[in-house]
């Protein structure tokens, strides 16, 4: 089976691309979780 991980291992360009996509996805997830924490804190505080 020719999965994305196999393609990433076979070509350096794909490895770089998948590495950048992974870093971008992790950064987006981190920002999302920070945003959720801020919204939860704002919701928790009394008005």
PDB file of N, CA and C in Angstrom:
ATOM      1  N   UNK A   1       0.837  -1.191   0.000  1.00  0.00           N
ATOM      2  CA  UNK A   1       0.000   0.000   0.000  1.00  0.00           C
ATOM      3  C   UNK A   1       0.875   1.245   0.000  1.00  0.00           C
ATOM      4  N   UNK A   2       0.532   2.209  -0.799  1.00  0.00           N
ATOM      5  CA  UNK A   2       1.328   3.423  -0.923  1.00  0.00           C
ATOM      6  C   UNK A   2       0.714   4.516  -0.065  1.00  0.00           C
ATOM      7  N   UNK A   3       0.999   4.474   1.217  1.00  0.00           N
ATOM      8  CA  UNK A   3       0.422   5.456   2.132  1.00  0.00           C
ATOM      9  C   UNK A   3       1.262   6.720   2.151  1.00  0.00           C
ATOM     10  N   UNK A   4       0.746   7.748   2.798  1.00  0.00           N
ATOM     11  CA  UNK A   4       1.467   9.023   2.884  1.00  0.00           C
ATOM     12  C   UNK A   4       2.785   8.846   3.620  1.00  0.00           C
ATOM     13  N   UNK A   5       2.810   7.984   4.625  1.00  0.00           N
ATOM     14  CA  UNK A   5       4.048   7.785   5.369  1.00  0.00           C
ATOM     15  C   UNK A   5       5.106   7.114   4.507  1.00  0.00           C
ATOM     16  N   UNK A   6       4.691   6.196   3.643  1.00  0.00           N
ATOM     17  CA  UNK A   6       5.650   5.566   2.739  1.00  0.00           C
ATOM     18  C   UNK A   6       6.194   6.561   1.733  1.00  0.00           C
ATOM     19  N   UNK A   7       5.340   7.415   1.215  1.00  0.00           N
ATOM     20  CA  UNK A   7       5.778   8.443   0.270  1.00  0.00           C
ATOM     21  C   UNK A   7       6.723   9.412   0.966  1.00  0.00           C
ATOM     22  N   UNK A   8       6.413   9.769   2.200  1.00  0.00           N
ATOM     23  CA  UNK A   8       7.249  10.706   2.941  1.00  0.00           C
ATOM     24  C   UNK A   8       8.637  10.128   3.186  1.00  0.00           C
ATOM     25  N   UNK A   9       8.719   8.815   3.370  1.00  0.00           N
ATOM     26  CA  UNK A   9      10.025   8.200   3.603  1.00  0.00           C
ATOM     27  C   UNK A   9      10.819   8.074   2.313  1.00  0.00           C
ATOM     28  N   UNK A  10      10.146   8.009   1.172  1.00  0.00           N
ATOM     29  CA  UNK A  10      10.845   7.723  -0.076  1.00  0.00           C
ATOM     30  C   UNK A  10      11.472   8.965  -0.714  1.00  0.00           C
ATOM     31  N   UNK A  11      10.905  10.149  -0.499  1.00  0.00           N
ATOM     32  CA  UNK A  11      11.441  11.347  -1.143  1.00  0.00           C
ATOM     33  C   UNK A  11      11.713  12.439  -0.121  1.00  0.00           C
ATOM     34  N   UNK A  12      12.886  13.041  -0.182  1.00  0.00           N
ATOM     35  CA  UNK A  12      13.205  14.125   0.770  1.00  0.00           C
ATOM     36  C   UNK A  12      12.261  15.313   0.657  1.00  0.00           C
ATOM     37  N   UNK A  13      11.830  15.652  -0.559  1.00  0.00           N
ATOM     38  CA  UNK A  13      10.928  16.790  -0.731  1.00  0.00           C
ATOM     39  C   UNK A  13       9.599  16.535  -0.029  1.00  0.00           C
ATOM     40  N   UNK A  14       9.089  15.309  -0.148  1.00  0.00           N
ATOM     41  CA  UNK A  14       7.831  14.966   0.510  1.00  0.00           C
ATOM     42  C   UNK A  14       8.010  14.991   2.020  1.00  0.00           C
ATOM     43  N   UNK A  15       9.168  14.528   2.490  1.00  0.00           N
ATOM     44  CA  UNK A  15       9.442  14.549   3.927  1.00  0.00           C
ATOM     45  C   UNK A  15       9.418  15.976   4.442  1.00  0.00           C
ATOM     46  N   UNK A  16      10.041  16.889   3.719  1.00  0.00           N
ATOM     47  CA  UNK A  16      10.039  18.291   4.117  1.00  0.00           C
ATOM     48  C   UNK A  16       8.617  18.845   4.106  1.00  0.00           C
ATOM     49  N   UNK A  17       7.869  18.499   3.064  1.00  0.00           N
ATOM     50  CA  UNK A  17       6.494  18.984   2.953  1.00  0.00           C
ATOM     51  C   UNK A  17       5.641  18.462   4.107  1.00  0.00           C
ATOM     52  N   UNK A  18       5.731  17.166   4.368  1.00  0.00           N
ATOM     53  CA  UNK A  18       4.923  16.600   5.450  1.00  0.00           C
ATOM     54  C   UNK A  18       5.383  17.120   6.807  1.00  0.00           C
ATOM     55  N   UNK A  19       6.663  17.378   6.959  1.00  0.00           N
ATOM     56  CA  UNK A  19       7.161  17.963   8.200  1.00  0.00           C
ATOM     57  C   UNK A  19       6.599  19.353   8.422  1.00  0.00           C
ATOM     58  N   UNK A  20       6.560  20.138   7.351  1.00  0.00           N
ATOM     59  CA  UNK A  20       6.002  21.490   7.458  1.00  0.00           C
ATOM     60  C   UNK A  20       4.504  21.446   7.722  1.00  0.00           C
ATOM     61  N   UNK A  21       3.812  20.534   7.061  1.00  0.00           N
ATOM     62  CA  UNK A  21       2.367  20.404   7.288  1.00  0.00           C
ATOM     63  C   UNK A  21       2.087  19.952   8.719  1.00  0.00           C
ATOM     64  N   UNK A  22       2.917  19.036   9.228  1.00  0.00           N
ATOM     65  CA  UNK A  22       2.735  18.564  10.600  1.00  0.00           C
ATOM     66  C   UNK A  22       2.960  19.702  11.588  1.00  0.00           C
ATOM     67  N   UNK A  23       4.020  20.488  11.361  1.00  0.00           N
ATOM     68  CA  UNK A  23       4.305  21.619  12.242  1.00  0.00           C
ATOM     69  C   UNK A  23       3.166  22.637  12.190  1.00  0.00           C
ATOM     70  N   UNK A  24       2.650  22.887  11.004  1.00  0.00           N
ATOM     71  CA  UNK A  24       1.544  23.832  10.853  1.00  0.00           C
ATOM     72  C   UNK A  24       0.293  23.328  11.568  1.00  0.00           C
ATOM     73  N   UNK A  25       0.013  22.027  11.428  1.00  0.00           N
ATOM     74  CA  UNK A  25      -1.159  21.451  12.088  1.00  0.00           C
ATOM     75  C   UNK A  25      -1.016  21.511  13.604  1.00  0.00           C
ATOM     76  N   UNK A  26       0.171  21.227  14.120  1.00  0.00           N
ATOM     77  CA  UNK A  26       0.392  21.290  15.565  1.00  0.00           C
ATOM     78  C   UNK A  26       0.265  22.721  16.079  1.00  0.00           C
ATOM     79  N   UNK A  27       0.757  23.673  15.300  1.00  0.00           N
ATOM     80  CA  UNK A  27       0.645  25.078  15.693  1.00  0.00           C
ATOM     81  C   UNK A  27      -0.823  25.513  15.706  1.00  0.00           C
ATOM     82  N   UNK A  28      -1.571  25.114  14.681  1.00  0.00           N
ATOM     83  CA  UNK A  28      -2.997  25.455  14.623  1.00  0.00           C
ATOM     84  C   UNK A  28      -3.751  24.823  15.788  1.00  0.00           C
ATOM     85  N   UNK A  29      -3.419  23.577  16.128  1.00  0.00           N
ATOM     86  CA  UNK A  29      -4.062  22.926  17.260  1.00  0.00           C
ATOM     87  C   UNK A  29      -3.739  23.652  18.554  1.00  0.00           C
ATOM     88  N   UNK A  30      -2.488  24.057  18.716  1.00  0.00           N
ATOM     89  CA  UNK A  30      -2.078  24.781  19.918  1.00  0.00           C
ATOM     90  C   UNK A  30      -2.842  26.102  20.040  1.00  0.00           C
ATOM     91  N   UNK A  31      -2.953  26.839  18.952  1.00  0.00           N
ATOM     92  CA  UNK A  31      -3.706  28.095  18.974  1.00  0.00           C
ATOM     93  C   UNK A  31      -5.181  27.844  19.297  1.00  0.00           C
ATOM     94  N   UNK A  32      -5.736  26.790  18.741  1.00  0.00           N
ATOM     95  CA  UNK A  32      -7.134  26.456  19.002  1.00  0.00           C
ATOM     96  C   UNK A  32      -7.345  26.147  20.484  1.00  0.00           C
ATOM     97  N   UNK A  33      -6.444  25.357  21.053  1.00  0.00           N
ATOM     98  CA  UNK A  33      -6.580  25.010  22.472  1.00  0.00           C
ATOM     99  C   UNK A  33      -6.405  26.232  23.365  1.00  0.00           C
ATOM    100  N   UNK A  34      -5.505  27.132  22.992  1.00  0.00           N
ATOM    101  CA  UNK A  34      -5.341  28.367  23.759  1.00  0.00           C
ATOM    102  C   UNK A  34      -6.609  29.204  23.687  1.00  0.00           C
ATOM    103  N   UNK A  35      -7.196  29.271  22.512  1.00  0.00           N
ATOM    104  CA  UNK A  35      -8.429  30.025  22.329  1.00  0.00           C
ATOM    105  C   UNK A  35      -9.564  29.422  23.156  1.00  0.00           C
ATOM    106  N   UNK A  36      -9.631  28.099  23.170  1.00  0.00           N
ATOM    107  CA  UNK A  36     -10.655  27.427  23.988  1.00  0.00           C
ATOM    108  C   UNK A  36     -10.450  27.735  25.467  1.00  0.00           C
ATOM    109  N   UNK A  37      -9.208  27.753  25.925  1.00  0.00           N
ATOM    110  CA  UNK A  37      -8.925  28.040  27.329  1.00  0.00           C
ATOM    111  C   UNK A  37      -9.338  29.462  27.683  1.00  0.00           C
ATOM    112  N   UNK A  38      -9.076  30.400  26.800  1.00  0.00           N
ATOM    113  CA  UNK A  38      -9.458  31.797  27.036  1.00  0.00           C
ATOM    114  C   UNK A  38     -10.973  31.923  27.101  1.00  0.00           C
ATOM    115  N   UNK A  39     -11.655  31.281  26.178  1.00  0.00           N
ATOM    116  CA  UNK A  39     -13.118  31.358  26.167  1.00  0.00           C
ATOM    117  C   UNK A  39     -13.715  30.676  27.396  1.00  0.00           C
ATOM    118  N   UNK A  40     -13.135  29.553  27.810  1.00  0.00           N
ATOM    119  CA  UNK A  40     -13.634  28.868  29.004  1.00  0.00           C
ATOM    120  C   UNK A  40     -13.415  29.728  30.248  1.00  0.00           C
ATOM    121  N   UNK A  41     -12.284  30.395  30.318  1.00  0.00           N
ATOM    122  CA  UNK A  41     -12.012  31.271  31.468  1.00  0.00           C
ATOM    123  C   UNK A  41     -12.981  32.456  31.479  1.00  0.00           C
ATOM    124  N   UNK A  42     -13.240  33.030  30.317  1.00  0.00           N
ATOM    125  CA  UNK A  42     -14.173  34.154  30.241  1.00  0.00           C
ATOM    126  C   UNK A  42     -15.584  33.708  30.602  1.00  0.00           C
ATOM    127  N   UNK A  43     -15.944  32.500  30.219  1.00  0.00           N
ATOM    128  CA  UNK A  43     -17.269  31.988  30.530  1.00  0.00           C
ATOM    129  C   UNK A  43     -17.398  31.666  32.027  1.00  0.00           C
ATOM    130  N   UNK A  44     -16.322  31.244  32.633  1.00  0.00           N
ATOM    131  CA  UNK A  44     -16.341  30.839  34.045  1.00  0.00           C
ATOM    132  C   UNK A  44     -16.472  32.042  34.975  1.00  0.00           C
ATOM    133  N   UNK A  45     -15.908  33.176  34.579  1.00  0.00           N
ATOM    134  CA  UNK A  45     -15.929  34.356  35.455  1.00  0.00           C
ATOM    135  C   UNK A  45     -17.320  34.949  35.556  1.00  0.00           C
ATOM    136  N   UNK A  46     -17.664  35.452  36.728  1.00  0.00           N
ATOM    137  CA  UNK A  46     -18.989  36.102  36.839  1.00  0.00           C
ATOM    138  C   UNK A  46     -19.019  37.415  36.051  1.00  0.00           C
ATOM    139  N   UNK A  47     -20.202  37.800  35.661  1.00  0.00           N
ATOM    140  CA  UNK A  47     -20.302  39.007  34.835  1.00  0.00           C
ATOM    141  C   UNK A  47     -20.313  40.254  35.674  1.00  0.00           C
TER     142      UNK A  47
END
